[in-house]
Amino acid sequence: MTARIDEFLIGVKPQREWGWLVITYLFLGGAGAGLFLISLYIDHGWAGALGLVVVISGTGLLLLDLGRPERFWRAFYRPQSSWISRGCFFITLLVALGALQVALGVFEIELSPGIATAVKLVSAAAAVLVMIYTGFVLSPSAAIPFWNSTFFPIIFFAYSLLAGIDILILTSPLLPGPALDLGALEGWQAYLALGCLIFVLSHLSVMSGSATAARESIRLLTRGRWATLFIGGVIGLGLVVPLLLGWPFAGRSDMQTIFVMTAVLAILRLFGDYLFRFLVIRAGMYDPLL
């Protein structure tokens, strides 16, 4: 028999603390921060404003999950030891400086070059921190070996940027401001989707040699109850299909004329992104105590 005997003696237990509100926050918070970051690169203030709205919407769901939202301020108390507490500061910094950055661009407010550059750089850093800090919330979780991986901050960054650009693609016809080059955006998405695929498969490969609970998580995702959603949804529809269909169109200048194709690819990637975060949380298993 290939299974270890401790898998029969003591069963692993799934985590139940994080539900759909937290999972949706992970998606919206990362996607909004990714959209804000890309808005700085393409200098599109309205896209940045949309990114902040998405972040704030996700944060609202996170507050609802607290049970006592009026006590949210307690989450700021332990930045020296808690990534959740640090995340609260990162989100606050992003919303505050991000709103100032958006105002500078949308309303064409002029500041001294030094101050304007500082606001842009710090708001960009805050966006990156919001994108990756949830990966650091998961990665130190020794009790849940599947989460205990240095890959998660990298994966969350790539997926957040992927989702942010997809939201930008879908909303591009409605956004005021300069027209967007959808061909260039689709080109970026091809590389990001490939990166996500490599990182996710690398994480599974590393975890396959880890503790009992991590191997059980992989079994659930690849051969168990979540296999159809993970292989078919996250890997297939979320990454491989958009790569195969979108790669020939990446960088083409006529993508504006075939917006429907771009929108379909964006929806597939967003579906895979949300599903990835859902399954990562649902597949988290506590390691046996003995």
C-alpha atoms as a PDB file:
ATOM      1  CA  MET A   1       0.000   0.000   0.000  1.00  0.00           C
ATOM      2  CA  THR A   2       1.337   3.410  -0.963  1.00  0.00           C
ATOM      3  CA  ALA A   3      -0.505   5.463   1.671  1.00  0.00           C
ATOM      4  CA  ARG A   4       1.197   6.114   4.981  1.00  0.00           C
ATOM      5  CA  ILE A   5      -0.282   4.361   8.006  1.00  0.00           C
ATOM      6  CA  ASP A   6      -0.964   7.635   9.855  1.00  0.00           C
ATOM      7  CA  GLU A   7      -3.514   8.522   7.166  1.00  0.00           C
ATOM      8  CA  PHE A   8      -5.567   5.589   8.415  1.00  0.00           C
ATOM      9  CA  LEU A   9      -4.998   6.111  12.145  1.00  0.00           C
ATOM     10  CA  ILE A  10      -5.998   9.746  12.394  1.00  0.00           C
ATOM     11  CA  GLY A  11      -7.975  11.595   9.725  1.00  0.00           C
ATOM     12  CA  VAL A  12      -7.213  15.131   8.666  1.00  0.00           C
ATOM     13  CA  LYS A  13      -9.845  17.814   9.288  1.00  0.00           C
ATOM     14  CA  PRO A  14     -10.895  20.594   6.874  1.00  0.00           C
ATOM     15  CA  GLN A  15     -10.759  24.188   8.063  1.00  0.00           C
ATOM     16  CA  ARG A  16     -14.193  25.795   8.477  1.00  0.00           C
ATOM     17  CA  GLU A  17     -13.272  29.273   9.717  1.00  0.00           C
ATOM     18  CA  TRP A  18     -13.095  31.042   6.344  1.00  0.00           C
ATOM     19  CA  GLY A  19     -16.307  31.106   4.321  1.00  0.00           C
ATOM     20  CA  TRP A  20     -17.505  32.684   1.098  1.00  0.00           C
ATOM     21  CA  LEU A  21     -17.313  36.273   2.413  1.00  0.00           C
ATOM     22  CA  VAL A  22     -13.579  35.951   3.080  1.00  0.00           C
ATOM     23  CA  ILE A  23     -13.039  34.121  -0.212  1.00  0.00           C
ATOM     24  CA  THR A  24     -14.856  36.862  -2.133  1.00  0.00           C
ATOM     25  CA  TYR A  25     -12.793  39.479  -0.332  1.00  0.00           C
ATOM     26  CA  LEU A  26      -9.591  37.674  -1.341  1.00  0.00           C
ATOM     27  CA  PHE A  27     -10.770  37.897  -4.942  1.00  0.00           C
ATOM     28  CA  LEU A  28     -12.074  41.488  -4.939  1.00  0.00           C
ATOM     29  CA  GLY A  29      -9.289  42.913  -2.787  1.00  0.00           C
ATOM     30  CA  GLY A  30      -6.578  41.409  -4.967  1.00  0.00           C
ATOM     31  CA  ALA A  31      -8.316  42.221  -8.247  1.00  0.00           C
ATOM     32  CA  GLY A  32      -9.014  45.824  -7.223  1.00  0.00           C
ATOM     33  CA  ALA A  33      -5.423  46.384  -6.115  1.00  0.00           C
ATOM     34  CA  GLY A  34      -4.182  44.802  -9.353  1.00  0.00           C
ATOM     35  CA  LEU A  35      -6.441  47.077 -11.391  1.00  0.00           C
ATOM     36  CA  PHE A  36      -5.221  50.128  -9.481  1.00  0.00           C
ATOM     37  CA  LEU A  37      -1.588  49.126 -10.042  1.00  0.00           C
ATOM     38  CA  ILE A  38      -2.055  48.681 -13.777  1.00  0.00           C
ATOM     39  CA  SER A  39      -3.909  52.024 -13.948  1.00  0.00           C
ATOM     40  CA  LEU A  40      -0.752  53.734 -12.707  1.00  0.00           C
ATOM     41  CA  TYR A  41       1.282  52.079 -15.453  1.00  0.00           C
ATOM     42  CA  ILE A  42      -1.109  53.087 -18.257  1.00  0.00           C
ATOM     43  CA  ASP A  43      -1.864  56.464 -16.618  1.00  0.00           C
ATOM     44  CA  HIS A  44      -5.637  56.011 -16.544  1.00  0.00           C
ATOM     45  CA  GLY A  45      -7.232  57.754 -13.565  1.00  0.00           C
ATOM     46  CA  TRP A  46     -10.725  56.357 -14.083  1.00  0.00           C
ATOM     47  CA  ALA A  47      -9.374  52.802 -14.125  1.00  0.00           C
ATOM     48  CA  GLY A  48      -7.640  53.565 -10.835  1.00  0.00           C
ATOM     49  CA  ALA A  49     -10.918  54.851  -9.373  1.00  0.00           C
ATOM     50  CA  LEU A  50     -12.647  51.614 -10.396  1.00  0.00           C
ATOM     51  CA  GLY A  51      -9.869  49.613  -8.767  1.00  0.00           C
ATOM     52  CA  LEU A  52     -10.392  51.421  -5.466  1.00  0.00           C
ATOM     53  CA  VAL A  53     -14.159  50.817  -5.648  1.00  0.00           C
ATOM     54  CA  VAL A  54     -13.500  47.087  -6.103  1.00  0.00           C
ATOM     55  CA  VAL A  55     -11.095  47.045  -3.123  1.00  0.00           C
ATOM     56  CA  ILE A  56     -13.570  48.899  -0.902  1.00  0.00           C
ATOM     57  CA  SER A  57     -16.389  46.547  -1.942  1.00  0.00           C
ATOM     58  CA  GLY A  58     -14.302  43.529  -0.991  1.00  0.00           C
ATOM     59  CA  THR A  59     -13.315  45.112   2.314  1.00  0.00           C
ATOM     60  CA  GLY A  60     -17.001  45.651   3.107  1.00  0.00           C
ATOM     61  CA  LEU A  61     -17.580  41.902   2.743  1.00  0.00           C
ATOM     62  CA  LEU A  62     -14.638  41.242   5.043  1.00  0.00           C
ATOM     63  CA  LEU A  63     -16.195  43.488   7.705  1.00  0.00           C
ATOM     64  CA  LEU A  64     -19.466  41.576   7.431  1.00  0.00           C
ATOM     65  CA  ASP A  65     -17.573  38.349   8.109  1.00  0.00           C
ATOM     66  CA  LEU A  66     -16.325  39.717  11.430  1.00  0.00           C
ATOM     67  CA  GLY A  67     -19.740  39.227  13.050  1.00  0.00           C
ATOM     68  CA  ARG A  68     -19.220  42.471  14.996  1.00  0.00           C
ATOM     69  CA  PRO A  69     -18.236  44.957  12.238  1.00  0.00           C
ATOM     70  CA  GLU A  70     -18.235  47.866  14.686  1.00  0.00           C
ATOM     71  CA  ARG A  71     -15.149  46.335  16.306  1.00  0.00           C
ATOM     72  CA  PHE A  72     -13.111  46.300  13.090  1.00  0.00           C
ATOM     73  CA  TRP A  73     -10.621  48.740  14.610  1.00  0.00           C
ATOM     74  CA  ARG A  74      -9.257  45.922  16.798  1.00  0.00           C
ATOM     75  CA  ALA A  75      -7.773  44.355  13.668  1.00  0.00           C
ATOM     76  CA  PHE A  76      -5.207  47.205  13.601  1.00  0.00           C
ATOM     77  CA  TYR A  77      -3.782  46.293  17.019  1.00  0.00           C
ATOM     78  CA  ARG A  78      -1.057  43.739  16.204  1.00  0.00           C
ATOM     79  CA  PRO A  79       0.923  44.806  13.109  1.00  0.00           C
ATOM     80  CA  GLN A  80       4.142  43.563  14.727  1.00  0.00           C
ATOM     81  CA  SER A  81       2.924  39.955  14.683  1.00  0.00           C
ATOM     82  CA  SER A  82      -0.187  39.614  12.506  1.00  0.00           C
ATOM     83  CA  TRP A  83      -0.367  39.751   8.706  1.00  0.00           C
ATOM     84  CA  ILE A  84      -4.106  40.398   8.980  1.00  0.00           C
ATOM     85  CA  SER A  85      -3.370  43.494  11.052  1.00  0.00           C
ATOM     86  CA  ARG A  86      -0.712  44.604   8.562  1.00  0.00           C
ATOM     87  CA  GLY A  87      -3.210  44.064   5.769  1.00  0.00           C
ATOM     88  CA  CYS A  88      -5.601  46.518   7.419  1.00  0.00           C
ATOM     89  CA  PHE A  89      -2.893  49.189   7.287  1.00  0.00           C
ATOM     90  CA  PHE A  90      -2.052  48.311   3.669  1.00  0.00           C
ATOM     91  CA  ILE A  91      -5.710  48.638   2.600  1.00  0.00           C
ATOM     92  CA  THR A  92      -6.083  51.942   4.469  1.00  0.00           C
ATOM     93  CA  LEU A  93      -2.918  53.311   2.874  1.00  0.00           C
ATOM     94  CA  LEU A  94      -4.016  52.191  -0.597  1.00  0.00           C
ATOM     95  CA  VAL A  95      -7.483  53.745  -0.309  1.00  0.00           C
ATOM     96  CA  ALA A  96      -6.176  57.028   1.138  1.00  0.00           C
ATOM     97  CA  LEU A  97      -3.228  57.617  -1.189  1.00  0.00           C
ATOM     98  CA  GLY A  98      -4.995  55.918  -4.089  1.00  0.00           C
ATOM     99  CA  ALA A  99      -7.881  58.364  -3.823  1.00  0.00           C
ATOM    100  CA  LEU A 100      -5.390  61.244  -3.859  1.00  0.00           C
ATOM    101  CA  GLN A 101      -3.617  59.766  -6.892  1.00  0.00           C
ATOM    102  CA  VAL A 102      -6.936  59.332  -8.721  1.00  0.00           C
ATOM    103  CA  ALA A 103      -7.938  62.915  -7.911  1.00  0.00           C
ATOM    104  CA  LEU A 104      -4.632  64.194  -9.274  1.00  0.00           C
ATOM    105  CA  GLY A 105      -5.242  62.393 -12.566  1.00  0.00           C
ATOM    106  CA  VAL A 106      -8.999  62.792 -13.058  1.00  0.00           C
ATOM    107  CA  PHE A 107      -9.267  66.420 -11.969  1.00  0.00           C
ATOM    108  CA  GLU A 108      -5.814  67.353 -13.322  1.00  0.00           C
ATOM    109  CA  ILE A 109      -4.626  68.756  -9.997  1.00  0.00           C
ATOM    110  CA  GLU A 110      -1.020  69.871 -10.108  1.00  0.00           C
ATOM    111  CA  LEU A 111       1.451  69.231  -7.316  1.00  0.00           C
ATOM    112  CA  SER A 112       5.193  69.661  -7.220  1.00  0.00           C
ATOM    113  CA  PRO A 113       6.908  66.889  -9.227  1.00  0.00           C
ATOM    114  CA  GLY A 114       8.528  65.441  -6.111  1.00  0.00           C
ATOM    115  CA  ILE A 115       5.279  65.151  -4.148  1.00  0.00           C
ATOM    116  CA  ALA A 116       3.361  63.779  -7.140  1.00  0.00           C
ATOM    117  CA  THR A 117       6.023  61.113  -7.702  1.00  0.00           C
ATOM    118  CA  ALA A 118       6.046  60.180  -4.016  1.00  0.00           C
ATOM    119  CA  VAL A 119       2.242  59.769  -3.960  1.00  0.00           C
ATOM    120  CA  LYS A 120       2.386  57.564  -7.065  1.00  0.00           C
ATOM    121  CA  LEU A 121       5.198  55.365  -5.767  1.00  0.00           C
ATOM    122  CA  VAL A 122       3.759  54.872  -2.292  1.00  0.00           C
ATOM    123  CA  SER A 123       0.259  54.141  -3.613  1.00  0.00           C
ATOM    124  CA  ALA A 124       1.789  51.619  -6.050  1.00  0.00           C
ATOM    125  CA  ALA A 125       3.674  49.963  -3.177  1.00  0.00           C
ATOM    126  CA  ALA A 126       0.459  49.834  -1.127  1.00  0.00           C
ATOM    127  CA  ALA A 127      -1.326  48.156  -4.050  1.00  0.00           C
ATOM    128  CA  VAL A 128       1.395  45.496  -4.310  1.00  0.00           C
ATOM    129  CA  LEU A 129       1.219  44.870  -0.558  1.00  0.00           C
ATOM    130  CA  VAL A 130      -2.575  44.425  -0.697  1.00  0.00           C
ATOM    131  CA  MET A 131      -2.120  41.951  -3.562  1.00  0.00           C
ATOM    132  CA  ILE A 132       0.401  39.778  -1.730  1.00  0.00           C
ATOM    133  CA  TYR A 133      -0.329  40.084   1.987  1.00  0.00           C
ATOM    134  CA  THR A 134      -3.109  37.469   1.929  1.00  0.00           C
ATOM    135  CA  GLY A 135      -0.521  35.040   0.578  1.00  0.00           C
ATOM    136  CA  PHE A 136       1.570  35.805   3.664  1.00  0.00           C
ATOM    137  CA  VAL A 137      -1.531  35.273   5.837  1.00  0.00           C
ATOM    138  CA  LEU A 138      -1.731  31.720   4.465  1.00  0.00           C
ATOM    139  CA  SER A 139       1.920  30.773   4.062  1.00  0.00           C
ATOM    140  CA  PRO A 140       2.952  30.724   7.774  1.00  0.00           C
ATOM    141  CA  SER A 141       0.052  28.343   8.591  1.00  0.00           C
ATOM    142  CA  ALA A 142       1.999  25.359   9.887  1.00  0.00           C
ATOM    143  CA  ALA A 143      -1.229  23.695  11.061  1.00  0.00           C
ATOM    144  CA  ILE A 144      -2.493  23.646   7.451  1.00  0.00           C
ATOM    145  CA  PRO A 145       0.500  22.359   5.448  1.00  0.00           C
ATOM    146  CA  PHE A 146      -1.086  22.990   2.028  1.00  0.00           C
ATOM    147  CA  TRP A 147      -1.034  26.722   2.789  1.00  0.00           C
ATOM    148  CA  ASN A 148       2.462  26.622   4.275  1.00  0.00           C
ATOM    149  CA  SER A 149       4.247  27.587   1.064  1.00  0.00           C
ATOM    150  CA  THR A 150       6.320  30.510  -0.168  1.00  0.00           C
ATOM    151  CA  PHE A 151       4.530  30.196  -3.515  1.00  0.00           C
ATOM    152  CA  PHE A 152       1.299  31.758  -2.261  1.00  0.00           C
ATOM    153  CA  PRO A 153       2.395  35.434  -2.154  1.00  0.00           C
ATOM    154  CA  ILE A 154       3.729  35.038  -5.720  1.00  0.00           C
ATOM    155  CA  ILE A 155       0.605  33.220  -6.927  1.00  0.00           C
ATOM    156  CA  PHE A 156      -1.703  35.786  -5.324  1.00  0.00           C
ATOM    157  CA  PHE A 157       0.248  38.641  -6.920  1.00  0.00           C
ATOM    158  CA  ALA A 158       0.047  37.087 -10.396  1.00  0.00           C
ATOM    159  CA  TYR A 159      -3.627  36.182 -10.064  1.00  0.00           C
ATOM    160  CA  SER A 160      -4.491  39.645  -8.690  1.00  0.00           C
ATOM    161  CA  LEU A 161      -2.817  41.375 -11.612  1.00  0.00           C
ATOM    162  CA  LEU A 162      -4.494  38.949 -14.023  1.00  0.00           C
ATOM    163  CA  ALA A 163      -7.935  39.666 -12.522  1.00  0.00           C
ATOM    164  CA  GLY A 164      -7.346  43.421 -12.410  1.00  0.00           C
ATOM    165  CA  ILE A 165      -6.530  43.563 -16.121  1.00  0.00           C
ATOM    166  CA  ASP A 166      -9.550  41.376 -16.916  1.00  0.00           C
ATOM    167  CA  ILE A 167     -11.866  43.773 -15.067  1.00  0.00           C
ATOM    168  CA  LEU A 168     -10.246  46.593 -17.027  1.00  0.00           C
ATOM    169  CA  ILE A 169     -10.887  44.762 -20.305  1.00  0.00           C
ATOM    170  CA  LEU A 170     -14.537  44.108 -19.470  1.00  0.00           C
ATOM    171  CA  THR A 171     -15.238  47.681 -18.368  1.00  0.00           C
ATOM    172  CA  SER A 172     -13.166  49.395 -21.074  1.00  0.00           C
ATOM    173  CA  PRO A 173     -16.192  50.413 -23.218  1.00  0.00           C
ATOM    174  CA  LEU A 174     -17.745  52.183 -20.200  1.00  0.00           C
ATOM    175  CA  LEU A 175     -14.714  53.948 -18.739  1.00  0.00           C
ATOM    176  CA  PRO A 176     -14.213  57.653 -19.477  1.00  0.00           C
ATOM    177  CA  GLY A 177     -10.762  58.772 -20.472  1.00  0.00           C
ATOM    178  CA  PRO A 178      -8.321  57.588 -23.126  1.00  0.00           C
ATOM    179  CA  ALA A 179      -9.091  54.462 -25.165  1.00  0.00           C
ATOM    180  CA  LEU A 180      -7.355  51.285 -24.073  1.00  0.00           C
ATOM    181  CA  ASP A 181      -5.190  49.060 -26.252  1.00  0.00           C
ATOM    182  CA  LEU A 182      -6.956  45.730 -25.765  1.00  0.00           C
ATOM    183  CA  GLY A 183      -4.410  43.916 -27.907  1.00  0.00           C
ATOM    184  CA  ALA A 184      -1.589  44.978 -25.607  1.00  0.00           C
ATOM    185  CA  LEU A 185      -3.626  44.044 -22.523  1.00  0.00           C
ATOM    186  CA  GLU A 186      -4.342  40.594 -23.980  1.00  0.00           C
ATOM    187  CA  GLY A 187      -0.632  40.196 -24.627  1.00  0.00           C
ATOM    188  CA  TRP A 188       0.127  40.852 -20.965  1.00  0.00           C
ATOM    189  CA  GLN A 189      -2.599  38.399 -19.980  1.00  0.00           C
ATOM    190  CA  ALA A 190      -1.027  35.610 -22.002  1.00  0.00           C
ATOM    191  CA  TYR A 191       2.204  35.866 -20.013  1.00  0.00           C
ATOM    192  CA  LEU A 192       0.396  36.283 -16.693  1.00  0.00           C
ATOM    193  CA  ALA A 193      -1.836  33.263 -17.328  1.00  0.00           C
ATOM    194  CA  LEU A 194       1.215  31.189 -18.243  1.00  0.00           C
ATOM    195  CA  GLY A 195       2.942  32.362 -15.079  1.00  0.00           C
ATOM    196  CA  CYS A 196      -0.095  31.455 -12.946  1.00  0.00           C
ATOM    197  CA  LEU A 197      -0.187  27.997 -14.509  1.00  0.00           C
ATOM    198  CA  ILE A 198       3.506  27.392 -13.803  1.00  0.00           C
ATOM    199  CA  PHE A 199       3.264  28.679 -10.222  1.00  0.00           C
ATOM    200  CA  VAL A 200       0.156  26.628  -9.376  1.00  0.00           C
ATOM    201  CA  LEU A 201       1.618  23.412 -10.798  1.00  0.00           C
ATOM    202  CA  SER A 202       4.911  24.091  -9.011  1.00  0.00           C
ATOM    203  CA  HIS A 203       3.057  24.524  -5.728  1.00  0.00           C
ATOM    204  CA  LEU A 204       1.250  21.208  -6.221  1.00  0.00           C
ATOM    205  CA  SER A 205       4.538  19.496  -7.047  1.00  0.00           C
ATOM    206  CA  VAL A 206       6.205  20.791  -3.885  1.00  0.00           C
ATOM    207  CA  MET A 207       3.204  19.949  -1.694  1.00  0.00           C
ATOM    208  CA  SER A 208       3.031  16.393  -3.041  1.00  0.00           C
ATOM    209  CA  GLY A 209       6.071  15.582  -0.911  1.00  0.00           C
ATOM    210  CA  SER A 210       4.804  17.429   2.155  1.00  0.00           C
ATOM    211  CA  ALA A 211       2.773  16.383   5.191  1.00  0.00           C
ATOM    212  CA  THR A 212      -0.268  14.120   5.295  1.00  0.00           C
ATOM    213  CA  ALA A 213      -2.783  16.973   5.229  1.00  0.00           C
ATOM    214  CA  ALA A 214      -1.095  18.628   2.238  1.00  0.00           C
ATOM    215  CA  ARG A 215      -1.220  15.395   0.269  1.00  0.00           C
ATOM    216  CA  GLU A 216      -4.897  15.028   1.151  1.00  0.00           C
ATOM    217  CA  SER A 217      -5.508  18.580  -0.119  1.00  0.00           C
ATOM    218  CA  ILE A 218      -3.858  17.665  -3.412  1.00  0.00           C
ATOM    219  CA  ARG A 219      -5.911  14.484  -3.631  1.00  0.00           C
ATOM    220  CA  LEU A 220      -9.119  16.473  -3.163  1.00  0.00           C
ATOM    221  CA  LEU A 221      -8.087  18.900  -5.907  1.00  0.00           C
ATOM    222  CA  THR A 222      -6.840  16.364  -8.438  1.00  0.00           C
ATOM    223  CA  ARG A 223      -8.752  13.132  -7.784  1.00  0.00           C
ATOM    224  CA  GLY A 224     -11.354  13.866  -5.116  1.00  0.00           C
ATOM    225  CA  ARG A 225     -14.476  15.985  -4.664  1.00  0.00           C
ATOM    226  CA  TRP A 226     -12.930  19.188  -6.044  1.00  0.00           C
ATOM    227  CA  ALA A 227     -11.129  17.616  -9.009  1.00  0.00           C
ATOM    228  CA  THR A 228     -13.662  18.649 -11.671  1.00  0.00           C
ATOM    229  CA  LEU A 229     -13.682  22.272 -10.493  1.00  0.00           C
ATOM    230  CA  PHE A 230      -9.918  22.459 -10.082  1.00  0.00           C
ATOM    231  CA  ILE A 231      -8.735  20.654 -13.205  1.00  0.00           C
ATOM    232  CA  GLY A 232     -11.635  21.687 -15.418  1.00  0.00           C
ATOM    233  CA  GLY A 233     -12.284  25.138 -13.967  1.00  0.00           C
ATOM    234  CA  VAL A 234      -9.055  26.570 -12.558  1.00  0.00           C
ATOM    235  CA  ILE A 235      -6.577  24.888 -14.911  1.00  0.00           C
ATOM    236  CA  GLY A 236      -8.698  24.246 -18.011  1.00  0.00           C
ATOM    237  CA  LEU A 237     -11.225  27.068 -18.428  1.00  0.00           C
ATOM    238  CA  GLY A 238      -9.347  29.559 -16.276  1.00  0.00           C
ATOM    239  CA  LEU A 239      -5.843  29.256 -17.750  1.00  0.00           C
ATOM    240  CA  VAL A 240      -5.293  26.764 -20.576  1.00  0.00           C
ATOM    241  CA  VAL A 241      -8.304  27.650 -22.753  1.00  0.00           C
ATOM    242  CA  PRO A 242      -7.657  31.437 -22.565  1.00  0.00           C
ATOM    243  CA  LEU A 243      -3.996  30.778 -23.365  1.00  0.00           C
ATOM    244  CA  LEU A 244      -4.794  28.683 -26.431  1.00  0.00           C
ATOM    245  CA  LEU A 245      -7.532  30.995 -27.718  1.00  0.00           C
ATOM    246  CA  GLY A 246      -5.927  34.295 -26.771  1.00  0.00           C
ATOM    247  CA  TRP A 247      -2.296  33.798 -27.734  1.00  0.00           C
ATOM    248  CA  PRO A 248      -2.880  34.297 -31.500  1.00  0.00           C
ATOM    249  CA  PHE A 249      -4.617  37.614 -30.776  1.00  0.00           C
ATOM    250  CA  ALA A 250      -2.110  38.970 -28.268  1.00  0.00           C
ATOM    251  CA  GLY A 251      -0.792  42.358 -29.325  1.00  0.00           C
ATOM    252  CA  ARG A 252      -3.057  42.691 -32.360  1.00  0.00           C
ATOM    253  CA  SER A 253      -4.197  46.224 -33.092  1.00  0.00           C
ATOM    254  CA  ASP A 254      -7.655  45.116 -34.264  1.00  0.00           C
ATOM    255  CA  MET A 255      -8.735  43.664 -30.903  1.00  0.00           C
ATOM    256  CA  GLN A 256     -11.073  46.649 -30.522  1.00  0.00           C
ATOM    257  CA  THR A 257     -13.134  45.275 -33.395  1.00  0.00           C
ATOM    258  CA  ILE A 258     -13.480  41.809 -31.839  1.00  0.00           C
ATOM    259  CA  PHE A 259     -14.213  42.901 -28.279  1.00  0.00           C
ATOM    260  CA  VAL A 260     -16.500  39.913 -27.721  1.00  0.00           C
ATOM    261  CA  MET A 261     -13.531  37.517 -27.972  1.00  0.00           C
ATOM    262  CA  THR A 262     -11.513  39.566 -25.491  1.00  0.00           C
ATOM    263  CA  ALA A 263     -14.472  39.757 -23.108  1.00  0.00           C
ATOM    264  CA  VAL A 264     -15.043  35.988 -23.213  1.00  0.00           C
ATOM    265  CA  LEU A 265     -11.384  35.327 -22.409  1.00  0.00           C
ATOM    266  CA  ALA A 266     -11.545  37.835 -19.540  1.00  0.00           C
ATOM    267  CA  ILE A 267     -14.653  36.181 -18.070  1.00  0.00           C
ATOM    268  CA  LEU A 268     -13.023  32.751 -18.236  1.00  0.00           C
ATOM    269  CA  ARG A 269      -9.899  33.981 -16.460  1.00  0.00           C
ATOM    270  CA  LEU A 270     -11.940  35.770 -13.761  1.00  0.00           C
ATOM    271  CA  PHE A 271     -13.954  32.599 -13.227  1.00  0.00           C
ATOM    272  CA  GLY A 272     -10.738  30.603 -12.822  1.00  0.00           C
ATOM    273  CA  ASP A 273      -9.256  33.222 -10.481  1.00  0.00           C
ATOM    274  CA  TYR A 274     -12.230  33.197  -8.110  1.00  0.00           C
ATOM    275  CA  LEU A 275     -12.433  29.403  -8.266  1.00  0.00           C
ATOM    276  CA  PHE A 276      -8.728  29.104  -7.435  1.00  0.00           C
ATOM    277  CA  ARG A 277      -9.136  31.168  -4.271  1.00  0.00           C
ATOM    278  CA  PHE A 278     -12.296  29.271  -3.338  1.00  0.00           C
ATOM    279  CA  LEU A 279     -10.624  25.881  -3.726  1.00  0.00           C
ATOM    280  CA  VAL A 280      -7.403  26.897  -1.967  1.00  0.00           C
ATOM    281  CA  ILE A 281      -9.454  27.814   1.097  1.00  0.00           C
ATOM    282  CA  ARG A 282     -11.819  24.834   0.867  1.00  0.00           C
ATOM    283  CA  ALA A 283      -8.967  22.349   0.385  1.00  0.00           C
ATOM    284  CA  GLY A 284      -7.112  23.568   3.470  1.00  0.00           C
ATOM    285  CA  MET A 285      -6.712  20.631   5.865  1.00  0.00           C
ATOM    286  CA  TYR A 286      -5.412  20.573   9.423  1.00  0.00           C
ATOM    287  CA  ASP A 287      -2.565  18.120   9.865  1.00  0.00           C
ATOM    288  CA  PRO A 288      -3.193  15.206  12.280  1.00  0.00           C
ATOM    289  CA  LEU A 289      -2.024  15.890  15.823  1.00  0.00           C
ATOM    290  CA  LEU A 290      -0.425  12.453  16.138  1.00  0.00           C
END
